[in-house]
Amino acid sequence: MTPAAEAASAARLRQVGLLLAIGGAVAFSAKAIVAKLIYRYGVDAVTLIAWRMALALPFFVAMAWWGGRGRAPIRRNQWPRVALLGFTGYYLASFLDFWGLEYISASLERLILYLSPTFVLLLGRVFLGKSIGLMQLGAMALSYAGIALVFGHEVRLEGRDTLIGGTMVLGSAISYATYLLLSGQLVREVGSMRLVGMASVFASVLCLLQFAALRPLASAVVAAPVVWWSLANALVCTALPMLMVMMAVERLGPGITSQAGMVGPMSTLLLAVWWLDEPFNGWILAGTALVLLGVFWVSRLKGT
């Protein structure tokens, strides 16, 4: 292959990777929109997440199997760490997220979740003694100022519900940041796809056990639109974006893929205005801009 052909092929790979990263971010962010639509049928968070994880479970099993091909079996001392990551990253984070969406707008939910990289820095400082530079502190302050703008605006409109829902989603972001902080070594040991698949299988089982413990079996019978929206939630907003992001990382690397994912909050904002008739004003736009700028700044500083 000539140098010109190699350059053209590399350019195509980057273009495909960028499309995959953006598509994955938009699809994953749309889960908040789908959850809000499902809630209109009187379904609660426990039932919603049980349906989502049950329908996505076959895909998670396939991921774990595919990612484990040609690799050594999981060692006994690795299973507790897989379970812990499944609990923090895919069970607790998901449940608190969907629970919070019962109370707050999809736009605010996505912005709070997008603070996870800043929480990784804070948790690393508290538990691992990692230092945080002044530039990183400035970037984090910028993001938190953006959240304060949007949060304060919603508190004036919704009051107590915003406080409850915001706390739930904040807990989700911290739980997912814990997963990110703890997963690094195990990802290298077992592989990213296998780890995500196994952790998600574990989380799915927890969600189904939670439903069985907290709800009568009859409450699993829901309206037909809930089933179809849950299928979309499981496949289009969960399984498909996981695959797309992994394929993007292979082509672009984690840094560029992460930066391309910054379209997620903005896409959620636009979809919420379009599908849910959520408000769109200067407060929300300014807060979103500050959060995205701060998180982008943190990501760039972490990469230096």
Protein backbone atom coordinates (compact mmCIF):
# COMPACT_ATOMS: atom_id res chain seq x y z
CA MET A 1 0.00 0.00 0.00
CA THR A 2 1.36 3.41 -0.97
CA PRO A 3 1.86 6.17 1.65
CA ALA A 4 -1.05 8.11 0.14
CA ALA A 5 -3.32 5.06 0.37
CA GLU A 6 -2.22 4.40 3.95
CA ALA A 7 -2.97 8.02 4.87
CA ALA A 8 -6.40 7.81 3.25
CA SER A 9 -7.15 4.55 5.07
CA ALA A 10 -6.08 6.06 8.40
CA ALA A 11 -8.27 9.11 7.75
CA ARG A 12 -11.27 6.86 7.05
CA LEU A 13 -10.64 4.95 10.28
CA ARG A 14 -10.59 8.21 12.22
CA GLN A 15 -13.78 9.40 10.55
CA VAL A 16 -15.55 6.13 11.31
CA GLY A 17 -14.21 6.22 14.87
CA LEU A 18 -15.45 9.75 15.38
CA LEU A 19 -18.91 8.87 14.07
CA LEU A 20 -19.01 5.84 16.38
CA ALA A 21 -17.93 7.90 19.40
CA ILE A 22 -20.50 10.63 18.74
CA GLY A 23 -23.26 8.12 17.96
CA GLY A 24 -22.48 6.13 21.09
CA ALA A 25 -22.54 9.26 23.27
CA VAL A 26 -25.86 10.43 21.83
CA ALA A 27 -27.47 6.97 22.12
CA PHE A 28 -26.27 6.45 25.69
CA SER A 29 -27.38 9.94 26.74
CA ALA A 30 -30.85 9.26 25.30
CA LYS A 31 -31.55 6.76 28.08
CA ALA A 32 -32.69 9.66 30.25
CA ILE A 33 -35.21 10.67 27.60
CA VAL A 34 -36.49 7.09 27.31
CA ALA A 35 -36.77 6.78 31.09
CA LYS A 36 -38.84 9.95 31.27
CA LEU A 37 -41.16 8.61 28.57
CA ILE A 38 -41.55 5.31 30.44
CA TYR A 39 -42.40 7.13 33.69
CA ARG A 40 -45.44 8.61 31.96
CA TYR A 41 -47.03 5.14 32.15
CA GLY A 42 -46.83 4.97 35.95
CA VAL A 43 -43.77 2.70 36.13
CA ASP A 44 -41.28 3.29 38.97
CA ALA A 45 -37.48 3.07 38.95
CA VAL A 46 -37.35 -0.47 40.38
CA THR A 47 -39.54 -1.85 37.60
CA LEU A 48 -37.91 0.27 34.89
CA ILE A 49 -34.37 -0.90 35.64
CA ALA A 50 -35.49 -4.52 36.02
CA TRP A 51 -36.98 -4.48 32.51
CA ARG A 52 -33.95 -2.68 31.09
CA MET A 53 -31.39 -5.08 32.56
CA ALA A 54 -33.43 -8.21 31.82
CA LEU A 55 -33.68 -7.30 28.14
CA ALA A 56 -30.00 -6.32 27.93
CA LEU A 57 -28.77 -9.40 29.83
CA PRO A 58 -28.26 -11.63 26.74
CA PHE A 59 -26.06 -8.95 25.21
CA PHE A 60 -23.99 -8.68 28.40
CA VAL A 61 -23.49 -12.46 28.44
CA ALA A 62 -22.38 -12.33 24.79
CA MET A 63 -19.94 -9.52 25.61
CA ALA A 64 -18.40 -11.47 28.48
CA TRP A 65 -18.05 -14.58 26.30
CA TRP A 66 -16.62 -12.72 23.30
CA GLY A 67 -14.20 -10.70 25.41
CA GLY A 68 -12.96 -13.84 27.16
CA ARG A 69 -12.05 -15.79 24.04
CA GLY A 70 -8.40 -16.82 24.10
CA ARG A 71 -7.87 -15.40 27.60
CA ALA A 72 -7.03 -17.19 30.82
CA PRO A 73 -10.03 -18.03 33.05
CA ILE A 74 -10.96 -15.54 35.75
CA ARG A 75 -9.02 -16.31 38.92
CA ARG A 76 -10.80 -16.85 42.23
CA ASN A 77 -9.33 -13.69 43.75
CA GLN A 78 -10.58 -11.62 40.79
CA TRP A 79 -14.27 -12.47 41.19
CA PRO A 80 -14.86 -10.25 44.28
CA ARG A 81 -13.43 -7.28 42.36
CA VAL A 82 -15.65 -8.03 39.37
CA ALA A 83 -18.65 -8.15 41.73
CA LEU A 84 -17.64 -4.86 43.37
CA LEU A 85 -17.31 -3.14 40.01
CA GLY A 86 -20.64 -4.54 38.89
CA PHE A 87 -22.26 -3.23 42.05
CA THR A 88 -20.78 0.29 41.91
CA GLY A 89 -20.59 0.90 38.18
CA TYR A 90 -23.65 -0.80 36.74
CA TYR A 91 -26.11 -1.54 39.56
CA LEU A 92 -25.93 1.27 42.10
CA ALA A 93 -24.99 3.98 39.60
CA SER A 94 -27.79 2.95 37.24
CA PHE A 95 -30.45 2.57 39.91
CA LEU A 96 -29.71 5.93 41.56
CA ASP A 97 -29.65 7.56 38.13
CA PHE A 98 -33.09 6.24 37.12
CA TRP A 99 -34.49 6.93 40.57
CA GLY A 100 -33.28 10.52 40.38
CA LEU A 101 -34.92 10.92 36.98
CA GLU A 102 -38.29 10.53 38.68
CA TYR A 103 -37.66 13.96 40.22
CA ILE A 104 -35.43 16.08 37.97
CA SER A 105 -35.16 16.99 34.30
CA ALA A 106 -33.18 14.90 31.86
CA SER A 107 -30.96 17.91 31.13
CA LEU A 108 -29.87 18.36 34.75
CA GLU A 109 -29.40 14.61 35.15
CA ARG A 110 -26.98 14.44 32.23
CA LEU A 111 -24.97 17.43 33.47
CA ILE A 112 -24.57 15.97 36.97
CA LEU A 113 -23.47 12.61 35.56
CA TYR A 114 -20.96 14.36 33.35
CA LEU A 115 -19.07 15.45 36.46
CA SER A 116 -17.76 11.89 36.99
CA PRO A 117 -14.19 12.74 35.83
CA THR A 118 -13.96 15.42 38.51
CA PHE A 119 -15.17 12.96 41.15
CA VAL A 120 -12.49 10.50 40.03
CA LEU A 121 -9.91 13.17 40.83
CA LEU A 122 -11.46 13.91 44.22
CA LEU A 123 -11.75 10.23 45.19
CA GLY A 124 -8.20 9.62 44.06
CA ARG A 125 -7.06 12.47 46.32
CA VAL A 126 -9.04 11.22 49.34
CA PHE A 127 -8.37 7.49 49.12
CA LEU A 128 -5.16 7.17 47.10
CA GLY A 129 -3.38 10.36 48.06
CA LYS A 130 -3.11 11.59 44.46
CA SER A 131 -2.45 15.29 44.10
CA ILE A 132 -4.77 17.73 42.33
CA GLY A 133 -3.13 20.69 40.61
CA LEU A 134 -4.36 24.26 40.73
CA MET A 135 -5.36 24.10 37.05
CA GLN A 136 -7.43 21.00 37.71
CA LEU A 137 -9.10 22.69 40.69
CA GLY A 138 -9.95 25.64 38.47
CA ALA A 139 -11.46 23.36 35.83
CA MET A 140 -13.50 21.54 38.47
CA ALA A 141 -14.74 24.81 39.92
CA LEU A 142 -15.90 25.84 36.46
CA SER A 143 -17.93 22.62 36.08
CA TYR A 144 -19.47 22.93 39.53
CA ALA A 145 -20.42 26.54 38.82
CA GLY A 146 -22.30 25.32 35.75
CA ILE A 147 -24.18 22.74 37.79
CA ALA A 148 -25.00 25.40 40.40
CA LEU A 149 -26.56 27.59 37.71
CA VAL A 150 -28.83 24.86 36.35
CA PHE A 151 -29.54 23.35 39.77
CA GLY A 152 -30.45 26.72 41.27
CA HIS A 153 -32.77 27.44 38.35
CA GLU A 154 -34.59 24.11 38.79
CA VAL A 155 -34.81 24.48 42.58
CA ARG A 156 -36.70 27.73 42.08
CA LEU A 157 -39.10 25.96 39.74
CA GLU A 158 -39.47 22.51 41.34
CA GLY A 159 -38.21 22.97 44.91
CA ARG A 160 -37.88 19.82 46.99
CA ASP A 161 -38.05 17.42 44.02
CA THR A 162 -34.88 18.94 42.57
CA LEU A 163 -33.05 18.44 45.87
CA ILE A 164 -34.13 14.79 46.10
CA GLY A 165 -33.46 13.92 42.47
CA GLY A 166 -30.22 15.88 42.32
CA THR A 167 -28.93 14.01 45.38
CA MET A 168 -29.80 10.67 43.79
CA VAL A 169 -28.04 11.45 40.52
CA LEU A 170 -25.06 12.91 42.38
CA GLY A 171 -24.79 9.59 44.22
CA SER A 172 -24.92 7.85 40.84
CA ALA A 173 -22.06 9.97 39.50
CA ILE A 174 -19.94 9.28 42.59
CA SER A 175 -20.69 5.55 42.39
CA TYR A 176 -19.64 5.47 38.73
CA ALA A 177 -16.51 7.48 39.52
CA THR A 178 -15.67 4.83 42.14
CA TYR A 179 -16.02 2.19 39.44
CA LEU A 180 -13.69 4.13 37.13
CA LEU A 181 -11.13 4.58 39.89
CA LEU A 182 -11.12 0.90 40.86
CA SER A 183 -11.35 -0.69 37.43
CA GLY A 184 -7.96 0.23 35.94
CA GLN A 185 -5.90 -2.73 37.14
CA LEU A 186 -8.63 -5.31 36.58
CA VAL A 187 -9.26 -4.05 33.03
CA ARG A 188 -5.63 -4.80 32.21
CA GLU A 189 -5.89 -8.25 33.78
CA VAL A 190 -9.12 -9.53 32.23
CA GLY A 191 -9.80 -7.23 29.24
CA SER A 192 -12.23 -4.34 28.90
CA MET A 193 -15.02 -6.11 27.02
CA ARG A 194 -15.02 -9.15 29.29
CA LEU A 195 -14.99 -6.98 32.42
CA VAL A 196 -17.86 -4.77 31.22
CA GLY A 197 -19.84 -7.85 30.22
CA MET A 198 -19.31 -9.73 33.49
CA ALA A 199 -19.88 -6.67 35.68
CA SER A 200 -23.09 -5.90 33.78
CA VAL A 201 -24.31 -9.50 34.15
CA PHE A 202 -23.75 -9.23 37.90
CA ALA A 203 -25.59 -5.89 37.98
CA SER A 204 -28.48 -7.35 35.97
CA VAL A 205 -28.91 -10.16 38.49
CA LEU A 206 -28.93 -7.62 41.33
CA CYS A 207 -31.59 -5.54 39.57
CA LEU A 208 -33.81 -8.57 39.04
CA LEU A 209 -33.35 -9.72 42.66
CA GLN A 210 -34.17 -6.20 43.81
CA PHE A 211 -37.41 -6.28 41.84
CA ALA A 212 -38.32 -9.71 43.22
CA ALA A 213 -37.70 -8.50 46.78
CA LEU A 214 -39.47 -5.14 46.54
CA ARG A 215 -42.34 -5.65 44.11
CA PRO A 216 -45.04 -8.30 43.62
CA LEU A 217 -44.54 -10.44 40.55
CA ALA A 218 -47.76 -9.07 39.06
CA SER A 219 -46.20 -5.61 38.77
CA ALA A 220 -43.90 -6.98 36.05
CA VAL A 221 -46.93 -6.87 33.76
CA VAL A 222 -46.75 -3.41 32.21
CA ALA A 223 -48.32 -1.55 29.32
CA ALA A 224 -47.12 -2.51 25.83
CA PRO A 225 -45.42 0.88 25.23
CA VAL A 226 -43.33 0.31 28.38
CA VAL A 227 -42.05 -2.97 26.93
CA TRP A 228 -41.09 -1.35 23.63
CA TRP A 229 -39.46 1.65 25.29
CA SER A 230 -37.63 -0.72 27.65
CA LEU A 231 -36.36 -2.66 24.65
CA ALA A 232 -35.09 0.60 23.16
CA ASN A 233 -33.53 1.45 26.52
CA ALA A 234 -31.78 -1.93 26.70
CA LEU A 235 -30.54 -2.13 23.12
CA VAL A 236 -30.32 1.36 21.61
CA CYS A 237 -29.38 3.22 24.81
CA THR A 238 -27.31 0.53 26.58
CA ALA A 239 -25.96 -2.34 24.48
CA LEU A 240 -25.41 -0.52 21.19
CA PRO A 241 -23.55 2.50 22.63
CA MET A 242 -21.29 0.19 24.67
CA LEU A 243 -20.26 -1.55 21.45
CA MET A 244 -19.93 1.71 19.53
CA VAL A 245 -17.70 3.31 22.16
CA MET A 246 -15.45 0.25 22.31
CA MET A 247 -15.08 0.32 18.52
CA ALA A 248 -14.34 4.04 18.68
CA VAL A 249 -11.62 3.51 21.30
CA GLU A 250 -9.97 0.97 19.01
CA ARG A 251 -9.82 3.56 16.21
CA LEU A 252 -9.25 6.82 18.11
CA GLY A 253 -7.91 5.91 21.54
CA PRO A 254 -9.63 6.70 24.86
CA GLY A 255 -8.70 10.39 24.95
CA ILE A 256 -10.31 11.50 21.69
CA THR A 257 -13.25 9.15 22.25
CA SER A 258 -13.88 10.76 25.64
CA GLN A 259 -13.73 14.25 24.16
CA ALA A 260 -16.10 13.30 21.34
CA GLY A 261 -18.49 12.07 24.01
CA MET A 262 -18.95 15.64 25.16
CA VAL A 263 -21.82 15.91 22.68
CA GLY A 264 -23.83 13.76 25.11
CA PRO A 265 -25.10 16.48 27.46
CA MET A 266 -25.96 18.81 24.59
CA SER A 267 -27.82 16.06 22.75
CA THR A 268 -29.78 15.27 25.92
CA LEU A 269 -30.66 18.93 26.29
CA LEU A 270 -31.95 19.18 22.72
CA LEU A 271 -33.83 15.85 22.88
CA ALA A 272 -35.42 16.88 26.20
CA VAL A 273 -36.67 20.11 24.64
CA TRP A 274 -37.95 18.27 21.56
CA TRP A 275 -39.53 15.15 23.10
CA LEU A 276 -40.27 16.14 26.70
CA ASP A 277 -41.02 19.85 26.33
CA GLU A 278 -38.41 20.66 28.98
CA PRO A 279 -37.50 24.37 29.23
CA PHE A 280 -34.59 25.81 27.31
CA ASN A 281 -33.27 29.18 28.48
CA GLY A 282 -30.12 31.14 29.12
CA TRP A 283 -29.54 29.65 32.57
CA ILE A 284 -29.53 26.10 31.23
CA LEU A 285 -27.40 27.00 28.21
CA ALA A 286 -24.84 28.87 30.33
CA GLY A 287 -24.66 26.08 32.89
CA THR A 288 -24.21 23.45 30.18
CA ALA A 289 -21.42 25.46 28.57
CA LEU A 290 -19.57 25.81 31.90
CA VAL A 291 -19.87 22.09 32.70
CA LEU A 292 -18.65 21.03 29.27
CA LEU A 293 -15.77 23.50 29.34
CA GLY A 294 -14.70 22.42 32.83
CA VAL A 295 -14.86 18.69 32.08
CA PHE A 296 -13.01 19.20 28.79
CA TRP A 297 -10.33 21.13 30.67
CA VAL A 298 -10.02 18.40 33.32
CA SER A 299 -9.75 15.72 30.61
CA ARG A 300 -7.00 17.62 28.81
CA LEU A 301 -5.07 18.21 32.03
CA LYS A 302 -5.33 14.54 32.99
CA GLY A 303 -3.84 13.64 29.65
CA THR A 304 -0.81 15.94 30.08
